[in-house]
Amino acid sequence: MPNLTYLSLFYNSLSMDFPPFLLNCRNLTYLDLSSNNLSGPIPELLATNLQKIEYLNFTSNFFQGPLPVNLKKLGRLKELRLGENRFTGTIPTGIGSISGLQILELQSNSLVGQIPSSLGQLRMLQKLYLVLQGISVGGMGSLVLQGISDGGIQITENRVFGR
């Protein structure tokens, strides 16, 4: 399926690891795997092979492990929806270098650490959802977000401290 550009498998009760055939769909611009029973880690090759992707939705699955640090290679990405999974570790700072990113959803995972200040570089960001119980910000002054419309930011159930 090398010419496939759009794939939505939303709400299909798929129960498996990340479908490996997707890594060969190098022309994909839209991929929605949300609301299934997919599990396992997101392969590092996703960011290497799917560099044309603009929309990525893995919400409401059972994906686990750390978020791939090479997500920053997805330079055309506009929407990254990874909420309601079982991701662990920290938010990769490289996400802040995806300059066209408009929507970032990481809510309801098991991420820890600080919200990277590099997210402040996302000038196109319109919506940010970080409902992450283990996340903290060492002073909100270190995270400046511009361009987010009213109601477009949700940072709840976290440990936010400082000024």
C-alpha atoms as a PDB file:
ATOM      1  CA  MET A   1       0.000   0.000   0.000  1.00  0.00           C
ATOM      2  CA  PRO A   2       2.727   2.494  -0.844  1.00  0.00           C
ATOM      3  CA  ASN A   3       0.256   5.014  -2.317  1.00  0.00           C
ATOM      4  CA  LEU A   4      -2.130   5.070   0.645  1.00  0.00           C
ATOM      5  CA  THR A   5      -2.512   8.634   1.985  1.00  0.00           C
ATOM      6  CA  TYR A   6      -5.554   8.418   4.299  1.00  0.00           C
ATOM      7  CA  LEU A   7      -6.408   5.624   6.732  1.00  0.00           C
ATOM      8  CA  SER A   8      -8.987   5.664   9.500  1.00  0.00           C
ATOM      9  CA  LEU A   9      -9.431   2.490  11.544  1.00  0.00           C
ATOM     10  CA  PHE A  10     -11.257   4.358  14.313  1.00  0.00           C
ATOM     11  CA  TYR A  11     -13.390   2.217  16.670  1.00  0.00           C
ATOM     12  CA  ASN A  12     -12.854  -1.184  15.098  1.00  0.00           C
ATOM     13  CA  SER A  13     -12.037  -3.288  18.201  1.00  0.00           C
ATOM     14  CA  LEU A  14      -8.579  -4.047  16.807  1.00  0.00           C
ATOM     15  CA  SER A  15      -6.576  -6.071  19.347  1.00  0.00           C
ATOM     16  CA  MET A  16      -2.924  -6.267  18.393  1.00  0.00           C
ATOM     17  CA  ASP A  17       0.389  -4.440  18.600  1.00  0.00           C
ATOM     18  CA  PHE A  18       1.027  -1.507  16.282  1.00  0.00           C
ATOM     19  CA  PRO A  19       0.152  -2.791  12.777  1.00  0.00           C
ATOM     20  CA  PRO A  20       3.579  -3.225  11.138  1.00  0.00           C
ATOM     21  CA  PHE A  21       2.278  -2.827   7.573  1.00  0.00           C
ATOM     22  CA  LEU A  22       1.667   0.866   8.340  1.00  0.00           C
ATOM     23  CA  LEU A  23       5.405   1.480   8.470  1.00  0.00           C
ATOM     24  CA  ASN A  24       5.501   0.799   4.717  1.00  0.00           C
ATOM     25  CA  CYS A  25       2.806   3.376   3.925  1.00  0.00           C
ATOM     26  CA  ARG A  26       5.262   6.210   3.376  1.00  0.00           C
ATOM     27  CA  ASN A  27       2.705   8.518   1.732  1.00  0.00           C
ATOM     28  CA  LEU A  28       0.276   8.544   4.643  1.00  0.00           C
ATOM     29  CA  THR A  29      -0.816  12.022   5.651  1.00  0.00           C
ATOM     30  CA  TYR A  30      -3.739  10.960   7.894  1.00  0.00           C
ATOM     31  CA  LEU A  31      -3.729   8.028  10.330  1.00  0.00           C
ATOM     32  CA  ASP A  32      -6.471   7.434  12.908  1.00  0.00           C
ATOM     33  CA  LEU A  33      -6.156   4.306  15.056  1.00  0.00           C
ATOM     34  CA  SER A  34      -8.160   5.708  17.969  1.00  0.00           C
ATOM     35  CA  SER A  35     -10.652   3.804  20.139  1.00  0.00           C
ATOM     36  CA  ASN A  36      -9.321   0.304  19.590  1.00  0.00           C
ATOM     37  CA  ASN A  37      -7.451  -2.176  21.789  1.00  0.00           C
ATOM     38  CA  LEU A  38      -4.025  -1.654  20.257  1.00  0.00           C
ATOM     39  CA  SER A  39      -1.067  -2.202  22.576  1.00  0.00           C
ATOM     40  CA  GLY A  40       2.700  -2.312  22.753  1.00  0.00           C
ATOM     41  CA  PRO A  41       5.115   0.514  22.017  1.00  0.00           C
ATOM     42  CA  ILE A  42       4.976   2.921  19.110  1.00  0.00           C
ATOM     43  CA  PRO A  43       7.799   1.797  16.815  1.00  0.00           C
ATOM     44  CA  GLU A  44      10.716   4.204  16.435  1.00  0.00           C
ATOM     45  CA  LEU A  45      10.448   3.641  12.676  1.00  0.00           C
ATOM     46  CA  LEU A  46       7.102   5.466  12.624  1.00  0.00           C
ATOM     47  CA  ALA A  47       8.826   8.853  12.695  1.00  0.00           C
ATOM     48  CA  THR A  48      11.425   7.720  10.176  1.00  0.00           C
ATOM     49  CA  ASN A  49       9.047   6.142   7.657  1.00  0.00           C
ATOM     50  CA  LEU A  50       5.931   8.326   7.921  1.00  0.00           C
ATOM     51  CA  GLN A  51       7.468  11.753   7.446  1.00  0.00           C
ATOM     52  CA  LYS A  52       4.529  13.028   5.368  1.00  0.00           C
ATOM     53  CA  ILE A  53       2.042  12.456   8.194  1.00  0.00           C
ATOM     54  CA  GLU A  54      -0.026  15.503   9.214  1.00  0.00           C
ATOM     55  CA  TYR A  55      -2.651  13.899  11.453  1.00  0.00           C
ATOM     56  CA  LEU A  56      -1.874  11.139  13.953  1.00  0.00           C
ATOM     57  CA  ASN A  57      -4.534   9.903  16.393  1.00  0.00           C
ATOM     58  CA  PHE A  58      -3.832   6.958  18.712  1.00  0.00           C
ATOM     59  CA  THR A  59      -6.237   8.076  21.479  1.00  0.00           C
ATOM     60  CA  SER A  60      -8.025   5.487  23.642  1.00  0.00           C
ATOM     61  CA  ASN A  61      -5.862   2.418  23.149  1.00  0.00           C
ATOM     62  CA  PHE A  62      -3.393   0.529  25.328  1.00  0.00           C
ATOM     63  CA  PHE A  63      -0.137   1.703  23.773  1.00  0.00           C
ATOM     64  CA  GLN A  64       2.662   1.669  26.320  1.00  0.00           C
ATOM     65  CA  GLY A  65       6.291   2.471  26.845  1.00  0.00           C
ATOM     66  CA  PRO A  66       8.031   5.785  26.299  1.00  0.00           C
ATOM     67  CA  LEU A  67       7.009   8.228  23.608  1.00  0.00           C
ATOM     68  CA  PRO A  68       9.542   7.938  20.767  1.00  0.00           C
ATOM     69  CA  VAL A  69      12.127  10.702  21.073  1.00  0.00           C
ATOM     70  CA  ASN A  70      12.317  10.955  17.304  1.00  0.00           C
ATOM     71  CA  LEU A  71       8.730  12.253  16.992  1.00  0.00           C
ATOM     72  CA  LYS A  72      10.467  15.535  16.168  1.00  0.00           C
ATOM     73  CA  LYS A  73      11.153  14.111  12.689  1.00  0.00           C
ATOM     74  CA  LEU A  74       7.440  14.451  11.907  1.00  0.00           C
ATOM     75  CA  GLY A  75       7.905  17.991  10.643  1.00  0.00           C
ATOM     76  CA  ARG A  76       4.578  18.160   8.773  1.00  0.00           C
ATOM     77  CA  LEU A  77       2.518  17.071  11.778  1.00  0.00           C
ATOM     78  CA  LYS A  78      -0.430  19.324  12.637  1.00  0.00           C
ATOM     79  CA  GLU A  79      -2.305  17.114  15.116  1.00  0.00           C
ATOM     80  CA  LEU A  80      -0.745  14.659  17.561  1.00  0.00           C
ATOM     81  CA  ARG A  81      -3.355  12.877  19.677  1.00  0.00           C
ATOM     82  CA  LEU A  82      -1.859  10.285  22.026  1.00  0.00           C
ATOM     83  CA  GLY A  83      -4.167  10.623  25.032  1.00  0.00           C
ATOM     84  CA  GLU A  84      -5.740   7.823  27.064  1.00  0.00           C
ATOM     85  CA  ASN A  85      -3.034   5.208  26.636  1.00  0.00           C
ATOM     86  CA  ARG A  86      -0.376   3.798  28.972  1.00  0.00           C
ATOM     87  CA  PHE A  87       2.659   5.771  27.872  1.00  0.00           C
ATOM     88  CA  THR A  88       5.417   6.173  30.451  1.00  0.00           C
ATOM     89  CA  GLY A  89       8.515   8.312  30.801  1.00  0.00           C
ATOM     90  CA  THR A  90       8.798  11.977  29.983  1.00  0.00           C
ATOM     91  CA  ILE A  91       7.427  14.221  27.257  1.00  0.00           C
ATOM     92  CA  PRO A  92      10.176  14.371  24.599  1.00  0.00           C
ATOM     93  CA  THR A  93      11.557  17.900  24.295  1.00  0.00           C
ATOM     94  CA  GLY A  94      11.790  17.441  20.524  1.00  0.00           C
ATOM     95  CA  ILE A  95       8.014  17.776  20.198  1.00  0.00           C
ATOM     96  CA  GLY A  96       8.660  21.505  20.603  1.00  0.00           C
ATOM     97  CA  SER A  97      10.456  21.545  17.256  1.00  0.00           C
ATOM     98  CA  ILE A  98       7.401  20.400  15.242  1.00  0.00           C
ATOM     99  CA  SER A  99       6.722  23.965  14.129  1.00  0.00           C
ATOM    100  CA  GLY A 100       3.331  23.399  12.480  1.00  0.00           C
ATOM    101  CA  LEU A 101       1.807  21.461  15.384  1.00  0.00           C
ATOM    102  CA  GLN A 102      -1.667  22.826  16.150  1.00  0.00           C
ATOM    103  CA  ILE A 103      -3.106  20.196  18.517  1.00  0.00           C
ATOM    104  CA  LEU A 104      -1.187  18.218  21.146  1.00  0.00           C
ATOM    105  CA  GLU A 105      -3.080  15.750  23.342  1.00  0.00           C
ATOM    106  CA  LEU A 106      -1.171  13.662  25.885  1.00  0.00           C
ATOM    107  CA  GLN A 107      -3.838  13.396  28.586  1.00  0.00           C
ATOM    108  CA  SER A 108      -4.423  10.325  30.762  1.00  0.00           C
ATOM    109  CA  ASN A 109      -1.097   8.537  30.413  1.00  0.00           C
ATOM    110  CA  SER A 110       1.558   7.706  33.005  1.00  0.00           C
ATOM    111  CA  LEU A 111       4.036  10.373  31.950  1.00  0.00           C
ATOM    112  CA  VAL A 112       6.276  11.975  34.566  1.00  0.00           C
ATOM    113  CA  GLY A 113       8.724  14.846  34.814  1.00  0.00           C
ATOM    114  CA  GLN A 114       8.383  18.430  33.705  1.00  0.00           C
ATOM    115  CA  ILE A 115       6.488  19.917  30.790  1.00  0.00           C
ATOM    116  CA  PRO A 116       9.331  20.792  28.412  1.00  0.00           C
ATOM    117  CA  SER A 117       9.806  24.516  27.952  1.00  0.00           C
ATOM    118  CA  SER A 118      10.391  23.723  24.261  1.00  0.00           C
ATOM    119  CA  LEU A 119       6.600  23.468  23.896  1.00  0.00           C
ATOM    120  CA  GLY A 120       6.693  27.257  24.065  1.00  0.00           C
ATOM    121  CA  GLN A 121       8.228  27.206  20.566  1.00  0.00           C
ATOM    122  CA  LEU A 122       4.984  25.835  19.111  1.00  0.00           C
ATOM    123  CA  ARG A 123       3.689  29.113  17.669  1.00  0.00           C
ATOM    124  CA  MET A 124       0.859  27.401  15.733  1.00  0.00           C
ATOM    125  CA  LEU A 125      -0.412  25.453  18.765  1.00  0.00           C
ATOM    126  CA  GLN A 126      -4.148  25.979  19.308  1.00  0.00           C
ATOM    127  CA  LYS A 127      -5.012  23.166  21.728  1.00  0.00           C
ATOM    128  CA  LEU A 128      -2.908  21.567  24.447  1.00  0.00           C
ATOM    129  CA  TYR A 129      -4.304  18.822  26.692  1.00  0.00           C
ATOM    130  CA  LEU A 130      -2.040  17.569  29.468  1.00  0.00           C
ATOM    131  CA  VAL A 131      -4.084  15.814  32.124  1.00  0.00           C
ATOM    132  CA  LEU A 132      -1.079  13.976  33.521  1.00  0.00           C
ATOM    133  CA  GLN A 133      -0.843  13.203  37.198  1.00  0.00           C
ATOM    134  CA  GLY A 134       2.930  12.849  37.294  1.00  0.00           C
ATOM    135  CA  ILE A 135       3.809  15.996  35.361  1.00  0.00           C
ATOM    136  CA  SER A 136       5.068  19.187  36.924  1.00  0.00           C
ATOM    137  CA  VAL A 137       6.115  22.618  35.770  1.00  0.00           C
ATOM    138  CA  GLY A 138       8.877  24.340  37.680  1.00  0.00           C
ATOM    139  CA  GLY A 139       7.288  27.751  37.412  1.00  0.00           C
ATOM    140  CA  MET A 140       4.748  28.602  34.755  1.00  0.00           C
ATOM    141  CA  GLY A 141       7.053  31.379  33.585  1.00  0.00           C
ATOM    142  CA  SER A 142       9.262  28.724  31.981  1.00  0.00           C
ATOM    143  CA  LEU A 143       6.418  27.713  29.663  1.00  0.00           C
ATOM    144  CA  VAL A 144       5.093  30.457  27.424  1.00  0.00           C
ATOM    145  CA  LEU A 145       2.425  29.401  24.958  1.00  0.00           C
ATOM    146  CA  GLN A 146       1.231  31.797  22.290  1.00  0.00           C
ATOM    147  CA  GLY A 147      -1.617  31.431  19.848  1.00  0.00           C
ATOM    148  CA  ILE A 148      -3.749  29.157  21.997  1.00  0.00           C
ATOM    149  CA  SER A 149      -7.371  30.237  21.795  1.00  0.00           C
ATOM    150  CA  ASP A 150      -9.674  30.536  24.811  1.00  0.00           C
ATOM    151  CA  GLY A 151     -10.402  27.094  26.182  1.00  0.00           C
ATOM    152  CA  GLY A 152      -7.619  25.536  24.151  1.00  0.00           C
ATOM    153  CA  ILE A 153      -5.385  24.622  27.062  1.00  0.00           C
ATOM    154  CA  GLN A 154      -6.074  22.086  29.752  1.00  0.00           C
ATOM    155  CA  ILE A 155      -3.339  21.315  32.256  1.00  0.00           C
ATOM    156  CA  THR A 156      -5.106  19.644  35.165  1.00  0.00           C
ATOM    157  CA  GLU A 157      -4.353  17.003  37.791  1.00  0.00           C
ATOM    158  CA  ASN A 158      -0.679  17.919  37.676  1.00  0.00           C
ATOM    159  CA  ARG A 159       1.881  19.305  40.096  1.00  0.00           C
ATOM    160  CA  VAL A 160       2.250  22.864  38.907  1.00  0.00           C
ATOM    161  CA  PHE A 161       4.340  25.011  41.215  1.00  0.00           C
ATOM    162  CA  GLY A 162       6.281  28.247  41.162  1.00  0.00           C
ATOM    163  CA  ARG A 163       5.465  31.553  39.545  1.00  0.00           C
END
